[in-house]
Amino acid sequence: MHTSLTEEARVQYRVHPPAFLDGKAKLLLIDGKLVPSVSGKTFKTYNPSTGKVLAEVAEAGREDIDRAVAAARRAFEEGPWSRFKPFDRQAVLLRLADLVEKHFDELCLIDTLDMGGPIARTSAARRRGVALLRYYAGLATATHGHTIDNSVDGDIFSYTLKEPVGVVAAINPWNGPLGLAIWKIAPVLATGCTMVLKPAEQAPLSPLRLGELCLEAGVPAGVVNIVTGFGEAGAALSAHPGVDKIAFTGSTEVGQHIVRASAGNMKRVSVELGGKSPNIVFADADLDQAVPGAAMAVFNNSGQICSAGTRLFVQRSIHDEFVQRVAAFAKTLRVGDPLDPQTQLGPLVSDTQLERVTGYLASGKAEGAQALSGGQRITEGALADGYFVAPTIFANVTDSMAIAREEIFGPVISAMPFDSIEEVIRRGNDTPYGLGAGVWTRDIGNAQRVSRGLRTGSVWVNCYQAMDPAVPFGGYKMSGYGRESGTEHMEEYLQTKAVWVKNPPEKR
């Protein structure tokens, strides 16, 4: 395992703190203006590589949520946004895409500093971030209803209209601050809705900067409001009677609270929640592809991905060899300062997340699992003050262990053997979650049987975590409902109105 040469990397790649991090407190974006919270409270966001304070951020309370929702309501019903045609909304999205592309180096650096994503990973997200905005720009002019030939007596014509659902509350986690913010903002702008976005308190900075770019792109005041804060702000937003829809990405536990809170005014809800995804390797797989594929299905973003393939099922005849190869691969990964472009794994996002992950490492060992690589926090050298965990693969795991059943959200693989396709489908489905799954095989029949048999929202065959703006993503079971990306995503932000027109009788 390698660690980064921080100073050399900073000199070589000329990485400097972005101008956005100017030492001033970061404010709320409400009704087109940057404003402090009503209470004047702020909170600190930390650099997880060093544990040091990165910025002070305004802490929104209930009064701030009221202000933001009121601004979004005015913009939806009274402001110029309500008069924007599809062409105009498309133009705004295209300008925003251009601005995101222009400022992407700054945005990805903010994410690297704020949540610890390696600069190689955050900068590689440029194509996806820009592509999402341009994809939804295209859909802005492609939304339409239908004419329906009804069977009602008389000369009655019927058709449907697609209309924006209204004010959207968007609540995001911390594991992809910029990309997730774009994923929420883009369909809102495409459909003509307005929104209040609450990013995670652990990594709020790039969404705030994105909000500034929205204004620069010509998004009218009140259409996109961004409020930073803690659970109180999210709870107030979820229950707010002025909100028409909630779009939430995060843990299943919080998602359940949000669903309950939505009942007050029967909000529309879409939730993308947790996962404990099976990644299945058959004996006939191309092992040279499957080894790094299985490893990075979990170790990417230090395991902080909801659809990570953390339950690794390997056909028994190759199990021992394959697991040893994955462990050997894990030991070659470069863990270190995320500002170094050679770094492959950065820190976990916070000390709280570090405590959670190391707790599972201890639990796995206590239950009899064997760590073939990693298994501990990195406590030596330049990384000692950060929240770094070595990439870990556990062998001798059983289905009943906590590390095999509960979402860890860290760089931890639980490897288990299987014998038959029927068995692995059954065991793969033996979880409350159903977000993603992987299958590695040369046999298209096996690939199809497993893909059909697993109750998950996405199945990747001989790859893992492939994403595209045109392809829907979402979960089954406790992993949530609703879809993001694709034309299905637009429907989450639209109402369908039926219109009946009876032609008057002809005058004689």
Protein backbone atom coordinates (compact mmCIF):
# COMPACT_ATOMS: atom_id res chain seq x y z
CA MET A 1 0.00 0.00 0.00
CA HIS A 2 1.32 3.41 -0.96
CA THR A 3 0.80 6.80 0.63
CA SER A 4 0.83 10.12 -1.15
CA LEU A 5 3.64 12.64 -1.40
CA THR A 6 1.47 15.65 -0.64
CA GLU A 7 3.90 18.53 -1.11
CA GLU A 8 5.35 17.09 -4.31
CA ALA A 9 1.88 16.67 -5.72
CA ARG A 10 0.82 20.17 -4.81
CA VAL A 11 3.87 21.67 -6.48
CA GLN A 12 3.72 19.42 -9.52
CA TYR A 13 0.00 19.93 -10.19
CA ARG A 14 -0.20 23.48 -8.86
CA VAL A 15 -3.20 22.74 -6.66
CA HIS A 16 -4.28 25.87 -4.81
CA PRO A 17 -7.29 26.51 -2.55
CA PRO A 18 -10.17 27.81 -4.67
CA ALA A 19 -11.22 31.44 -4.36
CA PHE A 20 -14.56 30.26 -2.96
CA LEU A 21 -12.73 29.27 0.23
CA ASP A 22 -11.80 32.84 1.12
CA GLY A 23 -12.12 32.48 4.88
CA LYS A 24 -15.53 34.14 4.98
CA ALA A 25 -18.59 32.36 6.33
CA LYS A 26 -20.61 30.70 3.58
CA LEU A 27 -24.20 31.98 3.51
CA LEU A 28 -27.59 30.55 2.60
CA LEU A 29 -28.93 31.11 -0.91
CA ILE A 30 -32.54 32.26 -0.55
CA ASP A 31 -34.58 34.15 -3.14
CA GLY A 32 -31.55 34.91 -5.25
CA LYS A 33 -29.51 36.40 -2.39
CA LEU A 34 -26.74 35.12 -0.12
CA VAL A 35 -28.00 35.68 3.41
CA PRO A 36 -27.05 34.63 6.95
CA SER A 37 -29.38 32.43 8.95
CA VAL A 38 -32.05 34.18 10.99
CA SER A 39 -30.40 32.94 14.18
CA GLY A 40 -26.94 33.98 13.04
CA LYS A 41 -25.67 30.49 13.86
CA THR A 42 -22.89 28.87 11.87
CA PHE A 43 -21.21 25.48 11.90
CA LYS A 44 -17.84 24.18 10.79
CA THR A 45 -17.10 21.87 7.91
CA TYR A 46 -13.85 19.93 8.10
CA ASN A 47 -11.20 18.65 5.74
CA PRO A 48 -11.33 14.89 6.41
CA SER A 49 -7.72 14.44 5.28
CA THR A 50 -6.43 16.56 8.16
CA GLY A 51 -9.33 16.93 10.58
CA LYS A 52 -8.89 20.72 10.34
CA VAL A 53 -11.62 23.32 9.82
CA LEU A 54 -12.21 24.14 6.17
CA ALA A 55 -14.98 26.75 6.40
CA GLU A 56 -17.74 28.26 8.52
CA VAL A 57 -21.22 27.73 7.08
CA ALA A 58 -24.57 29.31 7.96
CA GLU A 59 -26.80 26.98 9.99
CA ALA A 60 -30.39 27.11 8.78
CA GLY A 61 -33.27 26.70 11.20
CA ARG A 62 -37.03 26.49 10.77
CA GLU A 63 -37.40 30.19 10.04
CA ASP A 64 -34.86 29.93 7.24
CA ILE A 65 -36.72 26.94 5.79
CA ASP A 66 -39.93 29.01 5.88
CA ARG A 67 -38.18 31.82 3.99
CA ALA A 68 -36.75 29.47 1.39
CA VAL A 69 -40.03 27.63 0.78
CA ALA A 70 -41.90 30.94 0.50
CA ALA A 71 -39.35 32.15 -2.07
CA ALA A 72 -39.71 28.93 -4.06
CA ARG A 73 -43.51 29.24 -3.96
CA ARG A 74 -43.44 32.82 -5.21
CA ALA A 75 -41.08 31.92 -8.00
CA PHE A 76 -43.29 29.01 -9.03
CA GLU A 77 -46.62 30.82 -8.97
CA GLU A 78 -45.86 34.50 -9.52
CA GLY A 79 -42.30 35.04 -10.71
CA PRO A 80 -40.91 35.09 -14.20
CA TRP A 81 -40.14 31.39 -13.94
CA SER A 82 -43.83 30.55 -14.36
CA ARG A 83 -43.73 32.26 -17.76
CA PHE A 84 -40.57 30.53 -19.02
CA LYS A 85 -41.24 28.40 -22.08
CA PRO A 86 -39.53 25.01 -22.56
CA PHE A 87 -37.03 26.72 -24.89
CA ASP A 88 -36.16 29.22 -22.13
CA ARG A 89 -35.69 26.51 -19.50
CA GLN A 90 -33.52 24.60 -21.93
CA ALA A 91 -31.39 27.68 -22.55
CA VAL A 92 -30.84 28.15 -18.80
CA LEU A 93 -29.77 24.52 -18.39
CA LEU A 94 -27.35 24.78 -21.30
CA ARG A 95 -25.81 27.95 -19.88
CA LEU A 96 -25.48 26.24 -16.51
CA ALA A 97 -23.80 23.26 -18.17
CA ASP A 98 -21.30 25.59 -19.81
CA LEU A 99 -20.58 27.30 -16.50
CA VAL A 100 -20.15 24.00 -14.67
CA GLU A 101 -17.72 22.88 -17.36
CA LYS A 102 -15.84 26.20 -17.16
CA HIS A 103 -15.54 26.08 -13.37
CA PHE A 104 -15.23 22.33 -12.95
CA ASP A 105 -11.65 22.36 -11.72
CA GLU A 106 -12.72 24.64 -8.88
CA LEU A 107 -15.83 22.57 -8.12
CA CYS A 108 -14.01 19.25 -8.01
CA LEU A 109 -11.28 20.71 -5.83
CA ILE A 110 -13.92 21.97 -3.37
CA ASP A 111 -15.37 18.43 -3.19
CA THR A 112 -11.92 16.92 -2.68
CA LEU A 113 -11.21 19.27 0.22
CA ASP A 114 -14.70 19.04 1.75
CA MET A 115 -15.49 15.32 1.58
CA GLY A 116 -12.14 13.71 0.76
CA GLY A 117 -12.80 12.34 -2.69
CA PRO A 118 -9.49 11.82 -4.52
CA ILE A 119 -8.87 14.56 -7.06
CA ALA A 120 -8.49 11.89 -9.74
CA ARG A 121 -12.05 10.76 -9.03
CA THR A 122 -13.75 14.13 -8.55
CA SER A 123 -12.13 15.56 -11.69
CA ALA A 124 -13.18 12.47 -13.68
CA ALA A 125 -16.82 13.35 -12.90
CA ARG A 126 -16.68 16.34 -15.27
CA ARG A 127 -18.24 14.46 -18.18
CA ARG A 128 -21.10 13.08 -16.10
CA GLY A 129 -21.93 16.40 -14.41
CA VAL A 130 -22.04 18.32 -17.69
CA ALA A 131 -23.81 15.46 -19.48
CA LEU A 132 -26.60 15.39 -16.89
CA LEU A 133 -27.34 19.08 -17.39
CA ARG A 134 -27.32 18.80 -21.16
CA TYR A 135 -29.45 15.66 -21.13
CA TYR A 136 -32.16 17.33 -19.06
CA ALA A 137 -31.90 20.41 -21.25
CA GLY A 138 -32.96 18.18 -24.11
CA LEU A 139 -35.87 16.76 -22.12
CA ALA A 140 -37.10 20.26 -21.27
CA THR A 141 -38.47 20.59 -24.80
CA ALA A 142 -39.53 16.96 -25.16
CA THR A 143 -42.20 16.77 -22.44
CA HIS A 144 -45.74 16.35 -23.71
CA GLY A 145 -49.14 14.89 -22.94
CA HIS A 146 -51.31 12.67 -25.14
CA THR A 147 -54.55 12.87 -27.04
CA ILE A 148 -56.80 9.99 -26.01
CA ASP A 149 -59.63 8.59 -28.08
CA ASN A 150 -62.24 8.05 -25.36
CA SER A 151 -65.44 6.03 -25.55
CA VAL A 152 -67.77 8.48 -23.79
CA ASP A 153 -71.06 9.22 -25.54
CA GLY A 154 -71.21 12.49 -27.39
CA ASP A 155 -68.70 14.72 -29.13
CA ILE A 156 -66.12 14.86 -26.35
CA PHE A 157 -62.40 15.30 -26.91
CA SER A 158 -59.88 14.24 -24.22
CA TYR A 159 -56.19 14.90 -23.75
CA THR A 160 -53.58 15.12 -21.02
CA LEU A 161 -51.24 17.88 -19.91
CA LYS A 162 -47.93 17.43 -18.14
CA GLU A 163 -47.47 20.11 -15.49
CA PRO A 164 -44.70 20.75 -12.93
CA VAL A 165 -45.48 19.30 -9.52
CA GLY A 166 -44.53 22.58 -7.77
CA VAL A 167 -42.08 23.24 -4.95
CA VAL A 168 -39.53 20.47 -4.45
CA ALA A 169 -37.57 19.77 -1.28
CA ALA A 170 -34.32 18.04 -2.20
CA ILE A 171 -32.18 16.51 0.56
CA ASN A 172 -28.80 15.02 -0.29
CA PRO A 173 -26.08 12.98 1.44
CA TRP A 174 -22.38 13.79 1.55
CA ASN A 175 -20.82 11.09 -0.62
CA GLY A 176 -21.10 13.00 -3.93
CA PRO A 177 -21.92 16.63 -3.14
CA LEU A 178 -21.63 18.18 -6.59
CA GLY A 179 -22.94 15.31 -8.70
CA LEU A 180 -25.93 14.70 -6.44
CA ALA A 181 -26.79 18.41 -6.39
CA ILE A 182 -26.78 18.48 -10.20
CA TRP A 183 -28.90 15.32 -10.24
CA LYS A 184 -31.55 17.10 -8.16
CA ILE A 185 -31.38 20.55 -9.77
CA ALA A 186 -31.46 19.45 -13.42
CA PRO A 187 -34.95 17.86 -13.53
CA VAL A 188 -36.34 20.71 -11.43
CA LEU A 189 -35.19 23.24 -14.00
CA ALA A 190 -36.24 21.06 -16.94
CA THR A 191 -39.82 20.60 -15.70
CA GLY A 192 -40.44 24.13 -14.45
CA CYS A 193 -40.53 23.26 -10.74
CA THR A 194 -38.75 25.27 -8.05
CA MET A 195 -36.71 23.88 -5.20
CA VAL A 196 -35.12 24.13 -1.80
CA LEU A 197 -31.98 22.00 -1.64
CA LYS A 198 -30.44 20.96 1.67
CA PRO A 199 -27.01 19.42 1.15
CA ALA A 200 -25.40 17.29 3.84
CA GLU A 201 -23.78 19.23 6.63
CA GLN A 202 -20.57 17.19 6.22
CA ALA A 203 -19.96 18.49 2.66
CA PRO A 204 -22.08 21.57 1.82
CA LEU A 205 -19.60 23.71 -0.08
CA SER A 206 -19.82 22.65 -3.73
CA PRO A 207 -23.65 22.80 -3.73
CA LEU A 208 -23.42 26.39 -2.47
CA ARG A 209 -20.99 27.25 -5.25
CA LEU A 210 -23.29 25.53 -7.76
CA GLY A 211 -26.11 27.73 -6.52
CA GLU A 212 -24.06 30.81 -7.38
CA LEU A 213 -23.54 29.43 -10.87
CA CYS A 214 -27.30 28.89 -11.22
CA LEU A 215 -27.84 32.62 -10.69
CA GLU A 216 -25.08 33.41 -13.16
CA ALA A 217 -26.76 31.14 -15.71
CA GLY A 218 -29.98 33.14 -15.48
CA VAL A 219 -32.02 31.03 -13.09
CA PRO A 220 -34.51 33.54 -11.63
CA ALA A 221 -34.48 34.39 -7.93
CA GLY A 222 -36.27 31.85 -5.78
CA VAL A 223 -36.15 29.00 -8.29
CA VAL A 224 -33.12 27.33 -6.67
CA ASN A 225 -32.65 27.94 -2.93
CA ILE A 226 -29.87 26.24 -0.98
CA VAL A 227 -30.01 25.94 2.79
CA THR A 228 -27.25 24.37 4.83
CA GLY A 229 -27.79 22.89 8.25
CA PHE A 230 -28.48 19.79 10.29
CA GLY A 231 -31.35 17.39 10.85
CA GLU A 232 -33.64 20.11 12.18
CA ALA A 233 -33.56 21.88 8.83
CA GLY A 234 -34.17 18.65 6.93
CA ALA A 235 -37.06 17.70 9.20
CA ALA A 236 -38.65 21.13 8.80
CA LEU A 237 -38.32 20.87 5.05
CA SER A 238 -39.78 17.35 4.93
CA ALA A 239 -42.87 18.31 6.92
CA HIS A 240 -43.38 21.77 5.42
CA PRO A 241 -46.93 22.29 4.09
CA GLY A 242 -45.59 24.54 1.32
CA VAL A 243 -43.57 21.69 -0.24
CA ASP A 244 -45.22 19.58 -2.96
CA LYS A 245 -42.56 16.93 -3.43
CA ILE A 246 -39.55 15.50 -1.62
CA ALA A 247 -36.57 14.04 -3.46
CA PHE A 248 -34.25 12.36 -0.95
CA THR A 249 -31.01 10.43 -1.26
CA GLY A 250 -29.53 8.98 1.90
CA SER A 251 -29.93 6.32 4.56
CA THR A 252 -32.98 4.08 4.81
CA GLU A 253 -33.59 5.16 8.41
CA VAL A 254 -33.76 8.85 7.51
CA GLY A 255 -35.79 8.01 4.41
CA GLN A 256 -38.43 6.37 6.61
CA HIS A 257 -38.66 9.53 8.72
CA ILE A 258 -39.08 11.61 5.57
CA VAL A 259 -41.84 9.39 4.22
CA ARG A 260 -43.72 9.71 7.51
CA ALA A 261 -43.24 13.48 7.55
CA SER A 262 -44.58 13.75 4.01
CA ALA A 263 -48.02 12.51 5.04
CA GLY A 264 -49.09 15.91 6.38
CA ASN A 265 -50.02 17.27 2.97
CA MET A 266 -49.57 14.04 0.96
CA LYS A 267 -46.36 15.17 -0.72
CA ARG A 268 -45.04 13.29 -3.70
CA VAL A 269 -41.93 11.40 -2.59
CA SER A 270 -39.00 9.71 -4.31
CA VAL A 271 -36.28 8.16 -2.17
CA GLU A 272 -32.99 6.52 -3.08
CA LEU A 273 -31.74 4.81 0.04
CA GLY A 274 -29.22 2.30 1.33
CA GLY A 275 -27.90 -0.92 -0.12
CA LYS A 276 -26.01 -4.12 0.57
CA SER A 277 -25.47 -5.16 -3.00
CA PRO A 278 -24.40 -8.65 -4.12
CA ASN A 279 -21.52 -8.93 -6.58
CA ILE A 280 -21.46 -12.45 -8.05
CA VAL A 281 -18.42 -14.02 -9.71
CA PHE A 282 -18.84 -17.28 -11.63
CA ALA A 283 -15.95 -19.66 -12.26
CA ASP A 284 -16.04 -18.93 -16.00
CA ALA A 285 -15.57 -15.16 -15.54
CA ASP A 286 -12.60 -13.29 -16.97
CA LEU A 287 -10.75 -13.09 -13.67
CA ASP A 288 -8.30 -10.47 -14.92
CA GLN A 289 -11.29 -8.14 -15.30
CA ALA A 290 -13.30 -9.42 -12.36
CA VAL A 291 -10.56 -8.97 -9.73
CA PRO A 292 -10.15 -5.19 -10.11
CA GLY A 293 -13.85 -4.90 -10.93
CA ALA A 294 -14.90 -6.56 -7.70
CA ALA A 295 -12.38 -4.56 -5.68
CA MET A 296 -13.32 -1.15 -7.06
CA ALA A 297 -17.03 -1.99 -6.84
CA VAL A 298 -16.41 -1.28 -3.15
CA PHE A 299 -13.16 0.62 -2.77
CA ASN A 300 -14.16 3.39 -5.17
CA ASN A 301 -14.91 6.54 -3.12
CA SER A 302 -13.60 4.62 -0.09
CA GLY A 303 -16.74 2.49 -0.10
CA GLN A 304 -18.99 5.50 0.39
CA ILE A 305 -21.41 4.56 -2.40
CA CYS A 306 -24.91 3.29 -1.70
CA SER A 307 -24.81 0.66 -4.46
CA ALA A 308 -21.31 -0.65 -3.63
CA GLY A 309 -20.97 -4.40 -4.25
CA THR A 310 -20.03 -5.20 -0.68
CA ARG A 311 -21.29 -8.81 -0.60
CA LEU A 312 -18.87 -10.66 -2.85
CA PHE A 313 -20.19 -14.12 -3.80
CA VAL A 314 -17.57 -16.26 -5.56
CA GLN A 315 -18.23 -19.71 -7.03
CA ARG A 316 -16.58 -22.23 -4.73
CA SER A 317 -14.16 -23.73 -7.25
CA ILE A 318 -12.35 -20.40 -7.65
CA HIS A 319 -13.25 -18.79 -4.31
CA ASP A 320 -9.93 -19.06 -2.48
CA GLU A 321 -7.81 -18.02 -5.47
CA PHE A 322 -10.10 -15.14 -6.38
CA VAL A 323 -10.37 -13.72 -2.88
CA GLN A 324 -6.60 -13.85 -2.43
CA ARG A 325 -6.19 -11.99 -5.72
CA VAL A 326 -8.64 -9.28 -4.63
CA ALA A 327 -6.75 -8.94 -1.33
CA ALA A 328 -3.46 -8.64 -3.22
CA PHE A 329 -4.99 -6.01 -5.49
CA ALA A 330 -6.25 -4.07 -2.45
CA LYS A 331 -2.72 -3.91 -1.06
CA THR A 332 -1.50 -2.20 -4.23
CA LEU A 333 -4.00 0.64 -3.98
CA ARG A 334 -2.60 4.05 -3.14
CA VAL A 335 -4.25 5.47 -0.02
CA GLY A 336 -3.40 9.05 0.83
CA ASP A 337 -3.89 12.75 0.40
CA PRO A 338 -6.78 13.19 -2.06
CA LEU A 339 -5.04 16.23 -3.58
CA ASP A 340 -2.39 13.91 -5.01
CA PRO A 341 -3.60 12.78 -8.47
CA GLN A 342 -2.00 9.38 -7.85
CA THR A 343 -4.22 8.72 -4.81
CA GLN A 344 -6.91 6.05 -5.34
CA LEU A 345 -8.52 6.01 -1.89
CA GLY A 346 -8.99 9.09 0.22
CA PRO A 347 -10.31 9.43 3.76
CA LEU A 348 -13.79 8.75 5.05
CA VAL A 349 -15.86 11.90 5.26
CA SER A 350 -15.88 12.46 9.04
CA ASP A 351 -14.78 11.18 12.41
CA THR A 352 -18.32 9.87 12.93
CA GLN A 353 -18.09 7.77 9.76
CA LEU A 354 -14.63 6.60 10.77
CA GLU A 355 -15.98 5.39 14.10
CA ARG A 356 -18.82 3.56 12.34
CA VAL A 357 -16.54 1.78 9.89
CA THR A 358 -13.90 0.79 12.45
CA GLY A 359 -16.71 -0.54 14.62
CA TYR A 360 -17.70 -2.91 11.81
CA LEU A 361 -14.08 -3.94 11.36
CA ALA A 362 -13.98 -4.95 15.01
CA SER A 363 -17.36 -6.67 14.73
CA GLY A 364 -16.25 -8.74 11.75
CA LYS A 365 -13.14 -9.97 13.52
CA ALA A 366 -15.11 -10.71 16.70
CA GLU A 367 -17.57 -12.87 14.73
CA GLY A 368 -14.78 -14.89 13.17
CA ALA A 369 -14.13 -13.22 9.82
CA GLN A 370 -10.53 -12.99 8.64
CA ALA A 371 -9.13 -9.75 7.21
CA LEU A 372 -6.97 -10.71 4.24
CA SER A 373 -6.11 -7.07 3.63
CA GLY A 374 -6.61 -3.91 5.64
CA GLY A 375 -8.86 -4.35 8.63
CA GLN A 376 -7.80 -1.22 10.46
CA ARG A 377 -7.54 2.54 10.47
CA ILE A 378 -4.28 3.98 9.15
CA THR A 379 -2.58 5.56 12.15
CA GLU A 380 0.97 6.12 10.97
CA GLY A 381 2.79 8.81 9.07
CA ALA A 382 1.21 11.75 7.29
CA LEU A 383 -2.23 10.14 7.31
CA ALA A 384 -2.50 9.69 11.07
CA ASP A 385 -4.64 12.79 11.66
CA GLY A 386 -7.08 12.02 8.84
CA TYR A 387 -10.00 9.60 8.66
CA PHE A 388 -8.25 6.92 6.60
CA VAL A 389 -9.14 3.21 6.58
CA ALA A 390 -7.15 0.62 4.65
CA PRO A 391 -9.10 -1.22 1.92
CA THR A 392 -10.34 -4.39 3.58
CA ILE A 393 -11.49 -7.78 2.34
CA PHE A 394 -12.91 -10.24 4.85
CA ALA A 395 -12.90 -14.01 4.23
CA ASN A 396 -14.62 -16.72 6.36
CA VAL A 397 -17.77 -14.60 6.30
CA THR A 398 -21.24 -16.06 6.83
CA ASP A 399 -24.53 -14.57 5.68
CA SER A 400 -25.61 -13.90 9.26
CA MET A 401 -22.65 -11.68 10.23
CA ALA A 402 -23.27 -7.97 10.69
CA ILE A 403 -20.62 -7.14 8.09
CA ALA A 404 -22.58 -9.21 5.55
CA ARG A 405 -26.02 -7.85 6.42
CA GLU A 406 -25.64 -4.18 7.38
CA GLU A 407 -24.57 -1.25 5.25
CA ILE A 408 -21.08 -0.19 6.39
CA PHE A 409 -20.41 2.64 3.91
CA GLY A 410 -16.69 2.10 4.00
CA PRO A 411 -13.98 0.19 2.06
CA VAL A 412 -15.00 -3.24 3.35
CA ILE A 413 -15.76 -6.37 1.27
CA SER A 414 -17.38 -9.48 2.72
CA ALA A 415 -16.44 -12.51 0.56
CA MET A 416 -18.45 -15.74 0.60
CA PRO A 417 -18.48 -18.90 -1.56
CA PHE A 418 -21.50 -20.27 -3.43
CA ASP A 419 -22.20 -23.45 -5.37
CA SER A 420 -25.26 -23.11 -7.62
CA ILE A 421 -27.02 -20.34 -9.50
CA GLU A 422 -30.25 -20.99 -7.61
CA GLU A 423 -28.41 -20.67 -4.31
CA VAL A 424 -26.68 -17.42 -5.16
CA ILE A 425 -29.90 -15.80 -6.41
CA ARG A 426 -31.63 -16.78 -3.17
CA ARG A 427 -28.76 -15.51 -1.01
CA GLY A 428 -28.36 -12.38 -3.12
CA ASN A 429 -32.01 -11.54 -2.46
CA ASP A 430 -31.76 -12.37 1.25
CA THR A 431 -31.48 -8.73 2.27
CA PRO A 432 -33.91 -5.91 2.98
CA TYR A 433 -32.14 -3.88 0.29
CA GLY A 434 -32.33 -3.98 -3.50
CA LEU A 435 -30.30 -1.21 -5.10
CA GLY A 436 -27.61 -2.78 -7.27
CA ALA A 437 -25.91 -6.04 -8.18
CA GLY A 438 -23.03 -7.31 -10.28
CA VAL A 439 -22.58 -10.52 -12.30
CA TRP A 440 -19.26 -11.67 -13.75
CA THR A 441 -19.53 -14.51 -16.27
CA ARG A 442 -18.93 -15.46 -19.90
CA ASP A 443 -22.23 -17.40 -19.95
CA ILE A 444 -25.00 -15.14 -21.23
CA GLY A 445 -27.57 -17.60 -19.93
CA ASN A 446 -26.25 -17.27 -16.38
CA ALA A 447 -26.11 -13.50 -16.77
CA GLN A 448 -29.74 -13.35 -17.87
CA ARG A 449 -31.00 -15.75 -15.19
CA VAL A 450 -29.26 -13.85 -12.40
CA SER A 451 -30.31 -10.45 -13.79
CA ARG A 452 -33.94 -11.55 -13.87
CA GLY A 453 -33.78 -13.35 -10.53
CA LEU A 454 -32.26 -10.56 -8.41
CA ARG A 455 -34.69 -7.99 -7.02
CA THR A 456 -32.54 -4.93 -7.54
CA GLY A 457 -32.91 -1.68 -9.45
CA SER A 458 -29.67 -2.11 -11.44
CA VAL A 459 -27.67 -5.15 -12.51
CA TRP A 460 -24.21 -4.72 -14.03
CA VAL A 461 -22.86 -7.63 -16.08
CA ASN A 462 -19.05 -7.83 -16.40
CA CYS A 463 -18.80 -4.27 -15.13
CA TYR A 464 -19.90 -2.36 -12.05
CA GLN A 465 -21.42 1.06 -11.34
CA ALA A 466 -21.74 2.12 -14.99
CA MET A 467 -24.00 5.21 -15.08
CA ASP A 468 -25.49 7.34 -17.85
CA PRO A 469 -27.98 10.23 -17.79
CA ALA A 470 -30.33 8.31 -20.09
CA VAL A 471 -30.45 5.13 -17.96
CA PRO A 472 -32.72 5.10 -14.87
CA PHE A 473 -31.30 4.37 -11.43
CA GLY A 474 -33.17 3.47 -8.24
CA GLY A 475 -34.04 0.73 -5.81
CA TYR A 476 -36.34 -2.11 -4.85
CA LYS A 477 -37.51 -2.92 -1.32
CA MET A 478 -35.85 -0.88 1.46
CA SER A 479 -33.55 0.79 -1.06
CA GLY A 480 -36.40 3.12 -1.93
CA TYR A 481 -38.71 3.96 -4.81
CA GLY A 482 -38.71 6.33 -7.74
CA ARG A 483 -36.03 6.67 -10.38
CA GLU A 484 -33.32 9.18 -11.21
CA SER A 485 -31.96 9.66 -14.74
CA GLY A 486 -33.78 8.70 -17.90
CA THR A 487 -37.22 9.85 -18.95
CA GLU A 488 -38.61 8.15 -15.82
CA HIS A 489 -36.89 10.80 -13.73
CA MET A 490 -38.87 13.60 -15.36
CA GLU A 491 -42.13 11.89 -14.42
CA GLU A 492 -41.14 12.20 -10.74
CA TYR A 493 -41.47 16.00 -11.12
CA LEU A 494 -44.60 16.14 -13.26
CA GLN A 495 -48.32 15.90 -12.65
CA THR A 496 -50.67 14.50 -15.28
CA LYS A 497 -53.86 16.48 -15.82
CA ALA A 498 -56.76 15.11 -17.85
CA VAL A 499 -58.77 17.64 -19.88
CA TRP A 500 -62.23 16.89 -21.30
CA VAL A 501 -63.76 19.16 -23.93
CA LYS A 502 -67.35 18.70 -25.06
CA ASN A 503 -68.07 20.48 -28.29
CA PRO A 504 -71.20 22.62 -28.15
CA PRO A 505 -74.06 21.65 -30.47
CA GLU A 506 -74.03 23.28 -33.86
CA LYS A 507 -76.27 26.35 -34.21
CA ARG A 508 -79.11 25.97 -36.68
